[in-house]
C-alpha cells in the first residue's frame, strides 16, 4: 500500500511540477519530500534513479543530475546551484547543501524564523557557494557535503565523512573533516 501511495504522489508531482522538473529517458524519481520556490528546477539525465528529498530555499535555484546516476534516500538543499555528474553513486542518509542557511552573526539572523514563515527571508548575509560532484564519484552512507565543495571525478567519500574542502579526482577521503586517505 505504501508503494502505491508513493507512486500516486510521484505522478502528482510530475504532473503539477512539469515546468520545474525535467526527467530524462528511463529515469525514475521517487520523492520523499520536496519544497519548491518560484522558478526553481530539477534536471535529471537519462537512466538515473533518484530517491532523495529536494529543498529549494531561494527562488531561481537549480539542481542538475547527470545520466546513470543513483541517489538513495538523501537530502539536497539548494539555494542556488548543485551539479551532480554522470555515473555518480550517492548512498542513503547523505546531505548536500550549497549554503550556510543563516548568518553566523546573531543580529543578522535573529529574524530568520519569523521572516521565513512569511516567505521573506533575507539572504544578503548568508554564504552561498556552488556544489559540484563530478562524474564517476561515489559518496558513501551518511556523508555531508557542504557549500563550495567540488568532489572530483572518480573520487570516493567514505561513509560518515563531512566534506568541507574540494576532493581531488580519483582519491579516497574519509573523516570529520574529510581528509585524503589515498589516491585511487
N, C-alpha and C. Protein backbone atom coordinates (compact mmCIF):
# COMPACT_ATOMS: atom_id res chain seq x y z
N UNK A 1 0.82 -1.20 0.00
CA UNK A 1 0.00 0.00 0.00
C UNK A 1 0.87 1.27 0.00
N UNK A 2 1.94 1.22 0.80
CA UNK A 2 2.84 2.37 0.87
C UNK A 2 3.46 2.67 -0.50
N UNK A 3 3.82 1.62 -1.21
CA UNK A 3 4.42 1.79 -2.55
C UNK A 3 3.41 2.38 -3.53
N UNK A 4 2.17 1.99 -3.43
CA UNK A 4 1.12 2.53 -4.30
C UNK A 4 0.93 4.02 -4.02
N UNK A 5 0.88 4.39 -2.75
CA UNK A 5 0.74 5.80 -2.39
C UNK A 5 1.94 6.62 -2.87
N UNK A 6 3.13 6.05 -2.76
CA UNK A 6 4.33 6.74 -3.23
C UNK A 6 4.26 6.98 -4.74
N UNK A 7 3.78 5.98 -5.49
CA UNK A 7 3.64 6.12 -6.95
C UNK A 7 2.63 7.21 -7.29
N UNK A 8 1.50 7.20 -6.60
CA UNK A 8 0.48 8.23 -6.84
C UNK A 8 1.05 9.61 -6.55
N UNK A 9 1.77 9.73 -5.46
CA UNK A 9 2.39 11.00 -5.08
C UNK A 9 3.40 11.44 -6.14
N UNK A 10 4.22 10.52 -6.63
CA UNK A 10 5.20 10.85 -7.67
C UNK A 10 4.52 11.31 -8.95
N UNK A 11 3.43 10.65 -9.33
CA UNK A 11 2.68 11.06 -10.53
C UNK A 11 2.09 12.45 -10.33
N UNK A 12 1.58 12.72 -9.14
CA UNK A 12 1.04 14.04 -8.83
C UNK A 12 2.13 15.11 -8.98
N UNK A 13 3.30 14.84 -8.42
CA UNK A 13 4.41 15.80 -8.51
C UNK A 13 4.80 16.01 -9.97
N UNK A 14 4.96 14.92 -10.71
CA UNK A 14 5.36 15.05 -12.12
C UNK A 14 4.35 15.86 -12.92
N UNK A 15 3.07 15.65 -12.66
CA UNK A 15 2.04 16.38 -13.41
C UNK A 15 1.96 17.85 -13.01
N UNK A 16 2.12 18.14 -11.73
CA UNK A 16 1.95 19.51 -11.26
C UNK A 16 3.22 20.35 -11.33
N UNK A 17 4.36 19.71 -11.46
CA UNK A 17 5.61 20.46 -11.47
C UNK A 17 6.41 20.21 -12.74
N UNK A 18 5.71 19.87 -13.81
CA UNK A 18 6.37 19.54 -15.07
C UNK A 18 7.28 20.66 -15.57
N UNK A 19 6.91 21.91 -15.35
CA UNK A 19 7.75 23.03 -15.79
C UNK A 19 9.02 23.14 -14.95
N UNK A 20 8.98 22.62 -13.73
CA UNK A 20 10.12 22.71 -12.82
C UNK A 20 10.99 21.47 -12.86
N UNK A 21 10.52 20.42 -13.51
CA UNK A 21 11.19 19.14 -13.47
C UNK A 21 11.38 18.59 -14.87
N UNK A 22 12.63 18.28 -15.22
CA UNK A 22 12.94 17.62 -16.49
C UNK A 22 13.49 16.25 -16.14
N UNK A 23 12.79 15.21 -16.53
CA UNK A 23 13.17 13.84 -16.20
C UNK A 23 13.59 13.13 -17.47
N UNK A 24 14.84 12.68 -17.52
CA UNK A 24 15.38 12.03 -18.70
C UNK A 24 14.76 10.67 -18.98
N UNK A 25 15.07 10.14 -20.16
CA UNK A 25 14.55 8.86 -20.62
C UNK A 25 14.97 7.74 -19.66
N UNK A 26 14.02 6.88 -19.31
CA UNK A 26 14.22 5.72 -18.44
C UNK A 26 14.67 6.07 -17.03
N UNK A 27 14.54 7.32 -16.62
CA UNK A 27 14.90 7.70 -15.26
C UNK A 27 13.70 7.52 -14.34
N UNK A 28 13.99 7.22 -13.07
CA UNK A 28 12.94 7.05 -12.08
C UNK A 28 13.17 8.05 -10.96
N UNK A 29 12.08 8.63 -10.51
CA UNK A 29 12.13 9.63 -9.45
C UNK A 29 11.12 9.24 -8.39
N UNK A 30 11.58 9.09 -7.16
CA UNK A 30 10.70 8.79 -6.04
C UNK A 30 10.93 9.86 -4.98
N UNK A 31 10.09 10.89 -4.97
CA UNK A 31 10.23 11.97 -3.99
C UNK A 31 9.95 11.44 -2.60
N UNK A 32 10.75 11.82 -1.64
CA UNK A 32 10.39 11.63 -0.24
C UNK A 32 9.69 12.89 0.23
N UNK A 33 10.37 14.02 0.07
CA UNK A 33 9.81 15.33 0.39
C UNK A 33 10.37 16.32 -0.61
N UNK A 34 9.68 17.41 -0.77
CA UNK A 34 10.20 18.47 -1.63
C UNK A 34 9.64 19.80 -1.18
N UNK A 35 10.39 20.84 -1.49
CA UNK A 35 9.92 22.20 -1.25
C UNK A 35 10.47 23.06 -2.39
N UNK A 36 9.58 23.52 -3.25
CA UNK A 36 9.96 24.37 -4.38
C UNK A 36 9.71 25.84 -4.04
N UNK A 37 10.53 26.70 -4.58
CA UNK A 37 10.29 28.14 -4.62
C UNK A 37 10.04 28.50 -6.08
N UNK A 38 9.69 29.74 -6.34
CA UNK A 38 9.44 30.18 -7.72
C UNK A 38 10.67 30.01 -8.60
N UNK A 39 10.43 29.56 -9.81
CA UNK A 39 11.46 29.43 -10.84
C UNK A 39 12.62 28.50 -10.47
N UNK A 40 12.40 27.55 -9.60
CA UNK A 40 13.41 26.54 -9.30
C UNK A 40 13.22 25.36 -10.23
N UNK A 41 14.29 24.60 -10.46
CA UNK A 41 14.14 23.46 -11.35
C UNK A 41 15.09 22.33 -10.99
N UNK A 42 14.66 21.13 -11.38
CA UNK A 42 15.46 19.92 -11.25
C UNK A 42 15.58 19.34 -12.65
N UNK A 43 16.81 19.09 -13.08
CA UNK A 43 17.05 18.48 -14.39
C UNK A 43 17.77 17.16 -14.14
N UNK A 44 17.16 16.07 -14.57
CA UNK A 44 17.71 14.73 -14.35
C UNK A 44 17.97 14.08 -15.70
N UNK A 45 19.17 13.56 -15.88
CA UNK A 45 19.55 12.92 -17.13
C UNK A 45 18.87 11.58 -17.34
N UNK A 46 19.36 10.83 -18.30
CA UNK A 46 18.79 9.53 -18.68
C UNK A 46 19.28 8.41 -17.76
N UNK A 47 18.42 7.40 -17.59
CA UNK A 47 18.77 6.17 -16.89
C UNK A 47 19.26 6.39 -15.47
N UNK A 48 18.68 7.36 -14.78
CA UNK A 48 19.05 7.65 -13.39
C UNK A 48 17.93 7.23 -12.45
N UNK A 49 18.31 6.91 -11.21
CA UNK A 49 17.34 6.54 -10.18
C UNK A 49 17.55 7.48 -9.00
N UNK A 50 16.56 8.32 -8.74
CA UNK A 50 16.67 9.37 -7.74
C UNK A 50 15.60 9.13 -6.67
N UNK A 51 16.04 8.96 -5.42
CA UNK A 51 15.13 8.67 -4.32
C UNK A 51 15.31 9.64 -3.16
N UNK A 52 15.76 10.85 -3.45
CA UNK A 52 16.08 11.79 -2.38
C UNK A 52 15.01 12.86 -2.23
N UNK A 53 15.16 13.66 -1.18
CA UNK A 53 14.30 14.82 -0.95
C UNK A 53 14.99 16.06 -1.50
N UNK A 54 14.19 16.98 -2.02
CA UNK A 54 14.71 18.24 -2.56
C UNK A 54 14.11 19.40 -1.78
N UNK A 55 14.96 20.31 -1.33
CA UNK A 55 14.52 21.52 -0.66
C UNK A 55 15.16 22.71 -1.36
N UNK A 56 14.34 23.58 -1.92
CA UNK A 56 14.84 24.80 -2.55
C UNK A 56 14.56 25.96 -1.60
N UNK A 57 15.63 26.60 -1.15
CA UNK A 57 15.49 27.66 -0.15
C UNK A 57 15.36 29.06 -0.74
N UNK A 58 15.71 29.23 -2.00
CA UNK A 58 15.58 30.53 -2.66
C UNK A 58 15.00 30.35 -4.05
N UNK A 59 14.45 31.42 -4.58
CA UNK A 59 13.95 31.39 -5.96
C UNK A 59 15.10 31.25 -6.94
N UNK A 60 14.79 30.74 -8.14
CA UNK A 60 15.74 30.61 -9.25
C UNK A 60 16.89 29.65 -8.98
N UNK A 61 16.71 28.71 -8.08
CA UNK A 61 17.74 27.71 -7.78
C UNK A 61 17.60 26.53 -8.75
N UNK A 62 18.72 25.81 -8.94
CA UNK A 62 18.69 24.69 -9.89
C UNK A 62 19.54 23.53 -9.37
N UNK A 63 19.02 22.32 -9.56
CA UNK A 63 19.77 21.09 -9.30
C UNK A 63 19.84 20.34 -10.62
N UNK A 64 21.06 20.01 -11.06
CA UNK A 64 21.25 19.22 -12.28
C UNK A 64 21.88 17.90 -11.90
N UNK A 65 21.29 16.81 -12.39
CA UNK A 65 21.77 15.45 -12.11
C UNK A 65 21.99 14.76 -13.45
N UNK A 66 23.15 14.13 -13.60
CA UNK A 66 23.53 13.55 -14.88
C UNK A 66 22.88 12.22 -15.20
N UNK A 67 23.46 11.55 -16.18
CA UNK A 67 22.99 10.25 -16.66
C UNK A 67 23.53 9.12 -15.78
N UNK A 68 22.74 8.05 -15.67
CA UNK A 68 23.14 6.83 -14.96
C UNK A 68 23.60 7.12 -13.53
N UNK A 69 22.91 8.01 -12.87
CA UNK A 69 23.25 8.40 -11.50
C UNK A 69 22.22 7.83 -10.54
N UNK A 70 22.68 7.38 -9.39
CA UNK A 70 21.80 6.89 -8.33
C UNK A 70 21.97 7.77 -7.10
N UNK A 71 20.84 8.21 -6.55
CA UNK A 71 20.85 8.92 -5.27
C UNK A 71 19.83 8.23 -4.38
N UNK A 72 20.30 7.65 -3.27
CA UNK A 72 19.42 6.98 -2.32
C UNK A 72 18.66 8.00 -1.47
N UNK A 73 18.08 7.54 -0.39
CA UNK A 73 17.27 8.39 0.49
C UNK A 73 18.10 9.45 1.18
N UNK A 74 18.39 10.50 0.51
CA UNK A 74 19.24 11.58 1.00
C UNK A 74 18.51 12.91 0.86
N UNK A 75 19.22 14.03 1.20
CA UNK A 75 18.64 15.36 1.10
C UNK A 75 19.53 16.24 0.25
N UNK A 76 18.91 16.97 -0.67
CA UNK A 76 19.61 18.01 -1.43
C UNK A 76 18.94 19.32 -1.06
N UNK A 77 19.73 20.23 -0.48
CA UNK A 77 19.21 21.50 0.00
C UNK A 77 19.91 22.60 -0.79
N UNK A 78 19.15 23.29 -1.64
CA UNK A 78 19.74 24.18 -2.64
C UNK A 78 19.22 25.61 -2.51
N UNK A 79 20.17 26.56 -2.49
CA UNK A 79 19.80 27.98 -2.53
C UNK A 79 20.24 28.61 -3.84
N UNK A 80 21.06 27.90 -4.61
CA UNK A 80 21.48 28.46 -5.90
C UNK A 80 21.78 27.38 -6.93
N UNK A 81 22.82 26.54 -6.70
CA UNK A 81 23.32 25.69 -7.77
C UNK A 81 24.01 24.44 -7.22
N UNK A 82 23.44 23.27 -7.51
CA UNK A 82 24.08 21.99 -7.17
C UNK A 82 24.10 21.16 -8.44
N UNK A 83 25.30 20.70 -8.81
CA UNK A 83 25.50 19.93 -10.04
C UNK A 83 26.06 18.56 -9.67
N UNK A 84 25.40 17.50 -10.15
CA UNK A 84 25.85 16.13 -9.92
C UNK A 84 26.03 15.48 -11.28
N UNK A 85 27.20 14.92 -11.53
CA UNK A 85 27.56 14.44 -12.86
C UNK A 85 26.97 13.09 -13.24
N UNK A 86 27.56 12.50 -14.27
CA UNK A 86 27.16 11.19 -14.79
C UNK A 86 27.81 10.07 -13.96
N UNK A 87 27.12 8.93 -13.88
CA UNK A 87 27.66 7.72 -13.25
C UNK A 87 28.07 7.94 -11.80
N UNK A 88 27.32 8.78 -11.10
CA UNK A 88 27.59 9.07 -9.69
C UNK A 88 26.71 8.17 -8.83
N UNK A 89 27.26 7.68 -7.73
CA UNK A 89 26.51 6.92 -6.73
C UNK A 89 26.51 7.71 -5.43
N UNK A 90 25.32 8.01 -4.93
CA UNK A 90 25.19 8.69 -3.65
C UNK A 90 24.32 7.81 -2.76
N UNK A 91 24.89 7.36 -1.67
CA UNK A 91 24.23 6.40 -0.80
C UNK A 91 23.13 7.06 0.03
N UNK A 92 22.57 6.29 0.95
CA UNK A 92 21.49 6.74 1.83
C UNK A 92 22.02 7.66 2.92
N UNK A 93 21.17 8.57 3.37
CA UNK A 93 21.46 9.39 4.54
C UNK A 93 22.39 10.56 4.29
N UNK A 94 22.69 10.85 3.05
CA UNK A 94 23.61 11.95 2.74
C UNK A 94 22.86 13.28 2.72
N UNK A 95 23.60 14.35 2.97
CA UNK A 95 23.07 15.71 2.86
C UNK A 95 24.03 16.51 2.01
N UNK A 96 23.49 17.17 0.99
CA UNK A 96 24.28 18.04 0.12
C UNK A 96 23.64 19.42 0.21
N UNK A 97 24.43 20.42 0.61
CA UNK A 97 23.88 21.76 0.82
C UNK A 97 24.85 22.81 0.28
N UNK A 98 24.32 23.82 -0.41
CA UNK A 98 25.18 24.83 -1.04
C UNK A 98 25.19 26.17 -0.30
N UNK A 99 24.79 26.17 0.97
CA UNK A 99 24.74 27.43 1.72
C UNK A 99 24.81 27.17 3.22
N UNK A 100 24.96 28.26 3.98
CA UNK A 100 25.03 28.18 5.44
C UNK A 100 23.66 28.17 6.11
N UNK A 101 22.62 28.50 5.40
CA UNK A 101 21.25 28.63 5.91
C UNK A 101 21.03 29.94 6.68
N UNK A 102 21.98 30.31 7.50
CA UNK A 102 21.85 31.52 8.33
C UNK A 102 23.20 32.20 8.44
N UNK A 103 23.17 33.48 8.75
CA UNK A 103 24.40 34.22 9.03
C UNK A 103 25.00 33.72 10.33
N UNK A 104 26.31 33.83 10.47
CA UNK A 104 26.97 33.47 11.72
C UNK A 104 26.74 34.52 12.81
N UNK A 105 26.36 35.71 12.42
CA UNK A 105 26.19 36.82 13.36
C UNK A 105 24.72 36.90 13.78
N UNK A 106 24.49 36.86 15.10
CA UNK A 106 23.13 36.79 15.62
C UNK A 106 22.25 37.94 15.14
N UNK A 107 22.76 39.16 15.17
CA UNK A 107 21.93 40.31 14.79
C UNK A 107 21.44 40.20 13.34
N UNK A 108 22.18 39.45 12.51
CA UNK A 108 21.77 39.27 11.11
C UNK A 108 20.81 38.10 10.93
N UNK A 109 20.76 37.18 11.89
CA UNK A 109 19.90 36.00 11.74
C UNK A 109 18.72 35.98 12.71
N UNK A 110 18.62 36.97 13.58
CA UNK A 110 17.61 36.93 14.64
C UNK A 110 16.18 36.87 14.12
N UNK A 111 15.92 37.39 12.94
CA UNK A 111 14.56 37.38 12.40
C UNK A 111 14.33 36.31 11.34
N UNK A 112 15.28 35.40 11.16
CA UNK A 112 15.17 34.39 10.09
C UNK A 112 13.91 33.54 10.20
N UNK A 113 13.55 33.12 11.39
CA UNK A 113 12.38 32.25 11.54
C UNK A 113 11.10 33.01 11.20
N UNK A 114 10.95 34.19 11.76
CA UNK A 114 9.75 34.98 11.50
C UNK A 114 9.66 35.36 10.03
N UNK A 115 10.78 35.81 9.45
CA UNK A 115 10.79 36.17 8.03
C UNK A 115 10.51 34.95 7.14
N UNK A 116 11.05 33.79 7.54
CA UNK A 116 10.84 32.57 6.77
C UNK A 116 9.38 32.14 6.76
N UNK A 117 8.68 32.37 7.84
CA UNK A 117 7.27 32.00 7.92
C UNK A 117 6.42 32.75 6.90
N UNK A 118 6.81 33.96 6.58
CA UNK A 118 6.06 34.75 5.60
C UNK A 118 6.74 34.77 4.24
N UNK A 119 7.79 33.96 4.09
CA UNK A 119 8.45 33.81 2.79
C UNK A 119 9.32 34.99 2.38
N UNK A 120 9.84 35.73 3.35
CA UNK A 120 10.64 36.91 3.03
C UNK A 120 12.01 36.87 3.70
N UNK A 121 12.60 35.72 3.81
CA UNK A 121 13.92 35.60 4.45
C UNK A 121 14.94 36.45 3.69
N UNK A 122 15.77 37.15 4.44
CA UNK A 122 16.83 37.97 3.86
C UNK A 122 18.09 37.11 3.71
N UNK A 123 18.50 36.87 2.46
CA UNK A 123 19.66 36.03 2.17
C UNK A 123 20.94 36.84 2.00
N UNK A 124 20.89 38.15 2.23
CA UNK A 124 22.02 39.03 1.97
C UNK A 124 23.30 38.58 2.67
N UNK A 125 23.20 38.15 3.92
CA UNK A 125 24.38 37.82 4.72
C UNK A 125 24.64 36.32 4.84
N UNK A 126 23.97 35.53 4.02
CA UNK A 126 24.16 34.08 4.04
C UNK A 126 25.14 33.69 2.94
N UNK A 127 26.15 32.92 3.30
CA UNK A 127 27.14 32.50 2.31
C UNK A 127 26.56 31.35 1.48
N UNK A 128 26.59 31.53 0.15
CA UNK A 128 26.08 30.54 -0.80
C UNK A 128 27.18 30.26 -1.81
N UNK A 129 27.54 28.97 -1.97
CA UNK A 129 28.57 28.58 -2.94
C UNK A 129 28.17 27.27 -3.61
N UNK A 130 28.36 27.21 -4.90
CA UNK A 130 28.00 26.06 -5.72
C UNK A 130 28.66 24.77 -5.21
N UNK A 131 27.91 23.67 -5.28
CA UNK A 131 28.44 22.33 -5.01
C UNK A 131 28.45 21.56 -6.31
N UNK A 132 29.55 20.86 -6.57
CA UNK A 132 29.66 20.07 -7.80
C UNK A 132 30.24 18.70 -7.45
N UNK A 133 29.56 17.66 -7.91
CA UNK A 133 30.05 16.29 -7.77
C UNK A 133 30.29 15.79 -9.18
N UNK A 134 31.57 15.58 -9.50
CA UNK A 134 31.95 15.22 -10.86
C UNK A 134 31.61 13.76 -11.19
N UNK A 135 31.70 13.43 -12.47
CA UNK A 135 31.39 12.10 -12.98
C UNK A 135 32.13 11.00 -12.20
N UNK A 136 31.48 9.85 -12.07
CA UNK A 136 32.06 8.62 -11.54
C UNK A 136 32.40 8.67 -10.05
N UNK A 137 31.95 9.70 -9.34
CA UNK A 137 32.21 9.77 -7.90
C UNK A 137 31.27 8.83 -7.15
N UNK A 138 31.72 8.40 -5.97
CA UNK A 138 30.91 7.55 -5.10
C UNK A 138 30.89 8.20 -3.73
N UNK A 139 29.70 8.52 -3.26
CA UNK A 139 29.51 9.17 -1.97
C UNK A 139 28.89 8.13 -1.03
N UNK A 140 29.61 7.77 0.03
CA UNK A 140 29.18 6.72 0.95
C UNK A 140 28.04 7.15 1.87
N UNK A 141 27.57 6.20 2.64
CA UNK A 141 26.44 6.37 3.55
C UNK A 141 26.67 7.52 4.54
N UNK A 142 25.65 8.34 4.72
CA UNK A 142 25.61 9.38 5.76
C UNK A 142 26.68 10.46 5.63
N UNK A 143 27.11 10.74 4.41
CA UNK A 143 28.10 11.80 4.15
C UNK A 143 27.40 13.15 4.11
N UNK A 144 28.08 14.18 4.58
CA UNK A 144 27.61 15.56 4.47
C UNK A 144 28.57 16.31 3.55
N UNK A 145 28.05 16.95 2.50
CA UNK A 145 28.86 17.75 1.59
C UNK A 145 28.38 19.19 1.72
N UNK A 146 29.30 20.07 2.13
CA UNK A 146 28.94 21.44 2.43
C UNK A 146 29.24 22.39 1.29
N UNK A 147 28.79 23.60 1.43
CA UNK A 147 28.85 24.63 0.39
C UNK A 147 30.25 24.80 -0.18
N UNK A 148 30.31 25.07 -1.49
CA UNK A 148 31.56 25.40 -2.15
C UNK A 148 32.45 24.23 -2.50
N UNK A 149 32.01 23.01 -2.23
CA UNK A 149 32.85 21.82 -2.44
C UNK A 149 32.68 21.29 -3.86
N UNK A 150 33.81 20.87 -4.45
CA UNK A 150 33.80 20.08 -5.68
C UNK A 150 34.39 18.72 -5.34
N UNK A 151 33.64 17.66 -5.62
CA UNK A 151 34.15 16.30 -5.48
C UNK A 151 34.60 15.88 -6.87
N UNK A 152 35.90 15.61 -7.01
CA UNK A 152 36.48 15.35 -8.32
C UNK A 152 36.04 14.03 -8.94
N UNK A 153 36.30 13.91 -10.24
CA UNK A 153 35.94 12.71 -11.00
C UNK A 153 36.53 11.46 -10.36
N UNK A 154 35.71 10.43 -10.22
CA UNK A 154 36.17 9.14 -9.71
C UNK A 154 36.53 9.11 -8.24
N UNK A 155 36.30 10.20 -7.52
CA UNK A 155 36.63 10.25 -6.10
C UNK A 155 35.64 9.40 -5.30
N UNK A 156 36.10 8.93 -4.13
CA UNK A 156 35.25 8.16 -3.22
C UNK A 156 35.28 8.86 -1.86
N UNK A 157 34.10 9.11 -1.32
CA UNK A 157 33.98 9.72 0.01
C UNK A 157 33.43 8.65 0.95
N UNK A 158 34.22 8.30 1.97
CA UNK A 158 33.86 7.21 2.88
C UNK A 158 32.66 7.58 3.75
N UNK A 159 31.94 6.56 4.18
CA UNK A 159 30.74 6.72 5.00
C UNK A 159 31.01 7.60 6.22
N UNK A 160 30.05 8.45 6.53
CA UNK A 160 30.11 9.28 7.73
C UNK A 160 31.00 10.50 7.64
N UNK A 161 31.60 10.74 6.51
CA UNK A 161 32.51 11.88 6.36
C UNK A 161 31.74 13.19 6.24
N UNK A 162 32.41 14.27 6.64
CA UNK A 162 31.90 15.62 6.40
C UNK A 162 32.90 16.31 5.51
N UNK A 163 32.44 16.68 4.30
CA UNK A 163 33.34 17.24 3.28
C UNK A 163 33.20 18.75 3.29
N UNK A 164 34.30 19.43 3.67
CA UNK A 164 34.30 20.89 3.77
C UNK A 164 35.22 21.53 2.74
N UNK A 165 36.05 20.71 2.09
CA UNK A 165 37.00 21.21 1.09
C UNK A 165 36.94 20.32 -0.15
N UNK A 166 37.45 20.84 -1.26
CA UNK A 166 37.44 20.09 -2.52
C UNK A 166 38.14 18.74 -2.37
N UNK A 167 37.61 17.75 -3.08
CA UNK A 167 38.19 16.41 -3.12
C UNK A 167 38.81 16.23 -4.50
N UNK A 168 40.13 15.99 -4.57
CA UNK A 168 40.77 15.82 -5.88
C UNK A 168 40.23 14.59 -6.61
N UNK A 169 40.34 14.58 -7.94
CA UNK A 169 39.91 13.41 -8.70
C UNK A 169 40.64 12.13 -8.25
N UNK A 170 39.93 11.03 -8.31
CA UNK A 170 40.48 9.69 -8.04
C UNK A 170 41.26 9.63 -6.73
N UNK A 171 40.60 10.13 -5.67
CA UNK A 171 41.15 9.99 -4.33
C UNK A 171 40.06 9.45 -3.41
N UNK A 172 40.49 8.81 -2.33
CA UNK A 172 39.60 8.36 -1.27
C UNK A 172 39.77 9.32 -0.11
N UNK A 173 38.65 9.89 0.36
CA UNK A 173 38.69 10.75 1.54
C UNK A 173 37.78 10.16 2.61
N UNK A 174 38.12 10.45 3.88
CA UNK A 174 37.33 9.96 4.99
C UNK A 174 37.54 10.88 6.19
N UNK A 175 36.58 10.87 7.10
CA UNK A 175 36.74 11.56 8.37
C UNK A 175 35.92 12.82 8.51
N UNK A 176 36.11 13.42 9.70
CA UNK A 176 35.43 14.66 10.06
C UNK A 176 36.48 15.64 10.55
N UNK A 177 36.88 16.61 9.75
CA UNK A 177 36.50 16.80 8.36
C UNK A 177 37.21 15.78 7.46
N UNK A 178 36.70 15.58 6.27
CA UNK A 178 37.26 14.59 5.34
C UNK A 178 38.69 14.97 4.95
N UNK A 179 39.56 13.97 5.00
CA UNK A 179 40.96 14.14 4.60
C UNK A 179 41.33 13.04 3.61
N UNK A 180 42.33 13.32 2.78
CA UNK A 180 42.77 12.33 1.79
C UNK A 180 43.38 11.13 2.50
N UNK A 181 42.89 9.94 2.16
CA UNK A 181 43.43 8.68 2.68
C UNK A 181 44.43 8.11 1.69
N UNK A 182 44.04 8.09 0.42
CA UNK A 182 44.97 7.62 -0.62
C UNK A 182 44.43 8.00 -1.99
N UNK A 183 45.31 7.89 -2.97
CA UNK A 183 44.92 8.13 -4.36
C UNK A 183 44.49 6.80 -4.98
N UNK A 184 43.50 6.85 -5.84
CA UNK A 184 42.95 5.62 -6.43
C UNK A 184 43.49 5.40 -7.83
